[in-house]
Protein backbone atom coordinates (compact mmCIF):
# COMPACT_ATOMS: atom_id res chain seq x y z
CA MET A 1 -21.47 9.68 4.14
CA ASP A 2 -19.14 6.68 3.90
CA LEU A 3 -18.17 5.54 0.40
CA GLN A 4 -19.64 2.10 -0.30
CA GLY A 5 -20.99 -0.02 -3.11
CA SER A 6 -20.33 -3.01 -5.35
CA ILE A 7 -17.19 -3.72 -7.33
CA GLU A 8 -19.34 -4.50 -10.37
CA LYS A 9 -20.42 -0.84 -10.45
CA PHE A 10 -17.10 0.75 -9.44
CA THR A 11 -13.76 -0.86 -10.25
CA LEU A 12 -11.16 -1.00 -7.50
CA PRO A 13 -8.73 1.27 -9.41
CA GLU A 14 -11.53 3.86 -9.52
CA ILE A 15 -12.19 3.45 -5.79
CA PHE A 16 -8.48 3.75 -4.97
CA GLN A 17 -8.21 6.87 -7.12
CA LEU A 18 -11.25 8.46 -5.47
CA ILE A 19 -9.68 7.99 -2.04
CA ALA A 20 -6.27 9.18 -3.27
CA THR A 21 -7.52 12.33 -5.00
CA GLY A 22 -9.61 13.22 -1.97
CA ARG A 23 -6.54 12.70 0.27
CA LYS A 24 -8.73 10.59 2.53
CA THR A 25 -7.64 8.93 5.75
CA GLY A 26 -9.39 5.76 6.87
CA THR A 27 -9.92 2.08 6.10
CA LEU A 28 -11.24 0.53 2.89
CA ALA A 29 -12.88 -2.84 3.57
CA VAL A 30 -13.29 -5.04 0.48
CA GLN A 31 -15.19 -8.33 0.67
CA LYS A 32 -15.77 -11.18 -1.78
CA ASP A 33 -17.48 -14.32 -0.46
CA ASP A 34 -15.71 -15.14 2.83
CA THR A 35 -12.58 -13.11 2.07
CA ILE A 36 -12.16 -9.63 3.56
CA VAL A 37 -9.21 -7.34 2.87
CA MET A 38 -8.61 -4.17 4.86
CA VAL A 39 -6.57 -1.36 3.27
CA TYR A 40 -5.44 1.53 5.49
CA PHE A 41 -5.03 4.99 3.94
CA LYS A 42 -3.44 8.15 5.28
CA GLU A 43 -3.94 11.34 3.29
CA GLY A 44 -4.58 9.38 0.12
CA ASN A 45 -1.65 6.96 0.35
CA VAL A 46 -1.74 3.31 1.41
CA PHE A 47 0.23 2.67 4.59
CA TYR A 48 -0.93 -0.84 5.48
CA ALA A 49 -3.15 -3.66 4.21
CA TYR A 50 -4.31 -6.86 5.80
CA GLY A 51 -6.15 -9.93 4.56
CA PRO A 52 -6.90 -12.61 7.17
CA GLN A 53 -6.71 -15.31 4.50
CA GLN A 54 -3.71 -13.92 2.62
CA THR A 55 -0.97 -16.41 1.83
CA PHE A 56 1.98 -14.01 1.94
CA HIS A 57 3.50 -15.19 5.23
CA ILE A 58 6.14 -12.85 6.67
CA GLY A 59 8.32 -15.67 7.97
CA GLN A 60 8.36 -17.45 4.62
CA LEU A 61 9.20 -14.25 2.76
CA LEU A 62 12.11 -13.59 5.15
CA LYS A 63 13.40 -17.10 4.53
CA GLU A 64 13.21 -16.56 0.77
CA LEU A 65 15.28 -13.39 1.19
CA LYS A 66 17.82 -15.52 3.13
CA VAL A 67 17.80 -13.19 6.13
CA LEU A 68 16.13 -15.74 8.38
CA THR A 69 16.90 -19.43 8.92
CA ALA A 70 14.34 -22.17 9.38
CA GLU A 71 15.57 -22.71 12.94
CA GLN A 72 15.16 -19.02 13.81
CA LEU A 73 11.65 -18.99 12.38
CA ASP A 74 10.69 -22.11 14.36
CA GLU A 75 12.00 -20.49 17.54
CA ALA A 76 10.03 -17.29 16.90
CA VAL A 77 6.85 -19.24 16.20
CA ARG A 78 7.35 -21.18 19.45
CA VAL A 79 7.73 -17.94 21.44
CA GLN A 80 4.64 -16.51 19.75
CA SER A 81 2.66 -19.64 20.63
CA GLU A 82 3.72 -19.41 24.27
CA SER A 83 2.41 -15.83 24.34
CA GLN A 84 -0.90 -17.13 22.97
CA ASN A 85 -0.33 -15.08 19.83
CA SER A 86 -0.39 -11.82 21.78
CA ARG A 87 2.97 -10.79 20.26
CA ARG A 88 3.53 -10.12 16.56
CA LEU A 89 5.97 -12.40 14.77
CA GLY A 90 7.98 -9.47 13.42
CA GLU A 91 8.43 -7.96 16.87
CA ILE A 92 9.69 -11.32 18.21
CA LEU A 93 12.17 -11.72 15.35
CA ILE A 94 13.60 -8.25 15.99
CA SER A 95 13.74 -8.59 19.78
CA HIS A 96 15.67 -11.86 19.44
CA GLY A 97 18.14 -10.27 17.04
CA PHE A 98 17.19 -12.61 14.20
CA ILE A 99 16.48 -9.77 11.75
CA GLU A 100 16.87 -5.99 11.47
CA LYS A 101 13.89 -3.66 11.37
CA GLY A 102 14.79 -2.73 7.79
CA ASP A 103 14.47 -6.40 6.76
CA LEU A 104 10.99 -6.50 8.25
CA GLU A 105 9.97 -3.28 6.50
CA THR A 106 11.09 -4.70 3.14
CA VAL A 107 9.06 -7.86 3.64
CA VAL A 108 6.00 -6.01 4.93
CA LYS A 109 6.05 -3.77 1.85
CA THR A 110 6.31 -6.80 -0.45
CA GLN A 111 3.49 -8.49 1.44
CA ILE A 112 1.22 -5.45 1.21
CA GLU A 113 1.96 -4.81 -2.48
CA GLU A 114 1.30 -8.44 -3.46
CA LEU A 115 -1.97 -8.37 -1.54
CA LEU A 116 -3.02 -5.15 -3.30
CA TYR A 117 -2.09 -6.51 -6.74
CA SER A 118 -4.25 -9.59 -6.15
CA LEU A 119 -7.05 -7.37 -4.83
CA LEU A 120 -7.11 -5.27 -8.00
CA ALA A 121 -7.88 -8.43 -9.98
CA TRP A 122 -11.22 -8.95 -8.19
CA GLN A 123 -14.14 -8.76 -10.59
CA GLY A 124 -16.86 -8.89 -7.94
CA GLY A 125 -17.58 -8.15 -4.32
CA SER A 126 -18.44 -5.13 -2.21
CA PHE A 127 -16.55 -2.31 -0.53
CA LYS A 128 -17.00 0.28 2.18
CA PHE A 129 -14.70 3.10 3.25
CA TYR A 130 -14.61 4.02 6.93
CA GLU A 131 -13.27 7.56 7.09
CA ASN A 132 -10.81 8.40 9.88
CA GLN A 133 -10.98 4.85 11.25
CA HIS A 134 -8.23 2.23 11.58
CA PRO A 135 -9.21 -0.99 13.36
CA THR A 136 -5.67 -1.80 14.54
CA ASP A 137 -2.44 0.05 15.30
CA GLU A 138 0.38 -1.35 13.18
CA GLU A 139 4.00 -1.22 14.30
CA ILE A 140 5.36 -1.27 10.74
CA THR A 141 3.67 1.19 8.38
CA LEU A 142 4.75 2.42 4.97
CA ARG A 143 3.85 5.02 2.39
CA ILE A 144 2.78 3.28 -0.81
CA SER A 145 1.74 5.29 -3.86
CA VAL A 146 -1.76 4.46 -5.08
CA GLU A 147 -0.74 5.31 -8.65
CA ASN A 148 2.17 2.85 -8.58
CA VAL A 149 0.01 0.10 -7.07
CA ILE A 150 -2.56 0.53 -9.83
CA LEU A 151 0.03 0.65 -12.62
CA GLU A 152 1.85 -2.48 -11.46
CA GLY A 153 -1.37 -4.34 -10.66
CA LEU A 154 -2.73 -3.64 -14.14
CA ARG A 155 0.44 -5.03 -15.75
CA ARG A 156 -0.64 -8.43 -14.42
CA PHE A 157 -4.08 -8.36 -16.03
CA ASP A 158 -5.36 -9.52 -19.41
CA GLU A 159 -4.23 -6.19 -20.75
CA LYS A 160 -5.82 -6.14 -24.19
CA ASN A 161 -9.30 -6.71 -22.76
CA MET A 162 -8.56 -4.14 -20.07
CA ALA A 163 -7.56 -1.57 -22.69
CA ALA A 164 -10.68 -2.17 -24.78
CA GLU A 165 -12.94 -1.75 -21.75
CA THR A 166 -11.09 1.31 -20.43
CA LEU A 167 -10.71 3.14 -23.75
CA PRO A 168 -13.72 2.17 -25.90
CA ASP A 169 -13.47 5.33 -28.06
CA ILE A 170 -10.03 5.72 -29.64
CA ASP A 171 -11.09 8.98 -31.25
CA ALA A 172 -11.40 10.60 -27.81
CA VAL A 173 -8.85 13.15 -26.62
CA TYR A 174 -6.98 12.91 -23.30
CA THR A 175 -4.77 15.30 -21.36
CA ILE A 176 -2.47 15.08 -18.34
CA ALA A 177 -4.50 15.11 -15.12
CA PRO A 178 -3.86 18.15 -12.92
CA SER A 179 -2.18 17.55 -9.57
CA GLU A 180 -4.38 17.73 -6.50
CA ALA A 181 -3.54 20.47 -4.02
CA ASN A 182 -0.99 19.44 -1.41
CA ARG A 183 -0.68 15.88 -2.72
CA ALA A 184 2.42 14.82 -4.61
CA LYS A 185 2.08 12.00 -7.11
CA ASP A 186 4.83 9.42 -6.64
CA VAL A 187 4.79 7.74 -10.05
CA ASN A 188 7.30 5.23 -11.40
CA LEU A 189 7.03 4.79 -15.16
CA PRO A 190 9.25 2.80 -17.55
CA ALA A 191 10.61 4.66 -20.58
CA THR A 192 7.94 3.18 -22.89
CA GLU A 193 5.15 4.70 -20.82
CA TRP A 194 6.92 8.05 -20.53
CA ASN A 195 7.19 8.04 -24.33
CA VAL A 196 3.47 7.45 -24.72
CA MET A 197 2.57 10.03 -22.08
CA ALA A 198 4.69 12.59 -23.93
CA LEU A 199 2.26 12.28 -26.85
CA VAL A 200 -0.79 13.08 -24.68
CA ASP A 201 -1.19 16.81 -25.21
CA GLY A 202 -4.93 17.47 -24.83
CA TYR A 203 -5.47 17.78 -28.58
CA ARG A 204 -4.35 14.53 -30.19
CA SER A 205 -6.89 11.71 -30.29
CA LEU A 206 -5.93 8.28 -29.01
CA ARG A 207 -5.91 7.13 -32.62
CA GLN A 208 -3.38 9.84 -33.55
CA ILE A 209 -1.22 8.91 -30.56
CA CYS A 210 -1.22 5.28 -31.70
CA GLU A 211 -0.13 6.36 -35.18
CA LEU A 212 2.77 8.37 -33.75
CA SER A 213 3.86 5.68 -31.30
CA LYS A 214 6.57 3.20 -32.27
CA MET A 215 4.87 0.32 -30.42
CA GLY A 216 1.78 -0.22 -32.56
CA GLN A 217 -1.86 0.41 -31.65
CA ASP A 218 -2.48 -2.53 -29.28
CA GLU A 219 0.56 -1.94 -27.07
CA THR A 220 0.07 1.83 -27.08
CA LEU A 221 -3.56 1.50 -25.98
CA VAL A 222 -2.54 -0.85 -23.16
CA ARG A 223 -0.15 1.79 -21.80
CA LEU A 224 -2.70 4.57 -22.24
CA ALA A 225 -5.31 2.50 -20.38
CA ARG A 226 -2.89 2.03 -17.46
CA LEU A 227 -2.28 5.76 -17.31
CA LYS A 228 -6.02 6.48 -17.31
CA LEU A 229 -6.84 3.97 -14.59
CA ALA A 230 -4.01 5.32 -12.46
CA GLY A 231 -5.49 8.82 -12.78
CA ILE A 232 -2.49 10.20 -14.67
CA ILE A 233 -4.42 11.12 -17.83
CA ILE A 234 -8.06 12.19 -18.10
CA LYS A 235 -10.51 12.67 -20.96
CA THR A 236 -11.05 16.19 -22.27
CA GLU A 237 -13.72 17.69 -24.51
CA ASN A 238 -11.12 19.23 -26.82
CA LYS A 239 -11.47 18.28 -30.47
CA PRO A 240 -8.60 16.37 -32.07
CA VAL A 241 -6.38 18.56 -34.22
CA PRO A 242 -5.90 17.80 -37.92
CA LYS A 243 -2.87 15.61 -38.47
CA THR A 244 0.33 17.54 -39.16
CA ASP A 245 4.00 16.63 -39.34
CA ASP A 246 5.23 16.58 -35.73
CA THR A 247 8.85 17.57 -35.40
CA LEU A 248 11.29 15.95 -33.03
CA ASN A 249 11.88 19.28 -31.26
CA THR A 250 8.17 19.66 -30.49
CA MET A 251 8.04 16.19 -28.94
CA VAL A 252 11.17 16.77 -26.88
CA ASP A 253 9.79 20.11 -25.64
CA ARG A 254 6.57 18.37 -24.65
CA LEU A 255 8.46 15.76 -22.65
CA ALA A 256 10.58 18.44 -20.95
CA ASN A 257 7.40 20.14 -19.74
CA LEU A 258 6.09 16.85 -18.38
CA PHE A 259 9.31 16.24 -16.47
CA GLU A 260 9.21 19.74 -15.01
CA ASP A 261 5.61 19.26 -13.80
CA TYR A 262 6.21 15.87 -12.23
CA LEU A 263 9.56 16.68 -10.69
CA SER A 264 8.00 19.71 -9.04
CA GLN A 265 5.60 17.27 -7.35
CA LYS A 266 8.54 15.18 -6.06
CA THR A 267 8.04 12.41 -8.59
CA HIS A 268 10.65 9.66 -8.47
CA ALA A 269 9.60 8.18 -11.77
CA VAL A 270 12.72 9.00 -13.74
CA SER A 271 16.33 9.95 -13.23
CA THR A 272 16.92 13.47 -11.97
CA ASP A 273 19.14 13.96 -15.01
CA SER A 274 16.57 15.16 -17.53
CA ARG A 275 19.11 15.01 -20.35
CA PHE A 276 19.20 11.22 -20.02
CA SER A 277 15.40 11.06 -20.12
CA THR A 278 15.32 13.23 -23.24
CA THR A 279 17.82 10.88 -24.87
CA ILE A 280 15.41 8.00 -24.33
CA ILE A 281 12.75 9.85 -26.28
CA GLU A 282 15.15 10.80 -29.04
CA GLU A 283 16.05 7.17 -29.50
CA GLN A 284 12.53 5.75 -29.40
CA ILE A 285 10.30 8.42 -30.97
CA GLU A 286 10.84 9.79 -34.43
CA PRO A 287 8.77 12.36 -36.27
CA ASN A 288 5.95 10.84 -38.23
């Protein structure tokens, strides 16, 4: 049965994660009022998205990148008009030698990501997933990590309210989510979020993690909420352990295990030099 429902009942990060973890292929149609956005998935990753009323115009983005002049854009639009819009603007720009294919791919990725970030902010509407269906064949397709889209999209929200709604019980315990079979997680995290994730061990409560973190409770909970909504950490029924003095070596060992797990899944989140990553932790996390 096709996945469908209202955004009030299921948040879009949850819907994206459900499709990603199931490694689904198909089209997610999301509608609010007269606006419809189509998101194409292949084996759990986004490879294209289209909103008929989106304002991220390819030609304008190419001009902003200074790889296309106003005169070249006008000429391409004229040619497209003469073809009665049967030819895509990007294909015309490439065929006339105005841009390289790599320039177009960069702009298409920016266009898709901005559309997805705005989509994640929707508080209402409906959705339906059409498995193994794509309404159009796109010339330029990409592989965009669902986890990264969610993490970046959430950074643009009212994060304190988001954290309170996502993590209502700060005495709950979370652990690192297991990787799904045959699906690598491509996750890009800044050092602050790696530091917080290193404290998630399946036994500490969120409250204990906040006490150990150098950022304070509010900022730590914001980062933990992002990780939960991106499907990187999940709640566990383990009981929180009594507070003890955590040593620096224990924390560094914990981070080393995290790096090993994620690098084995072809994560590009950090430098391949794990010694540098460990240094970040040593500088920013001290034993309580």
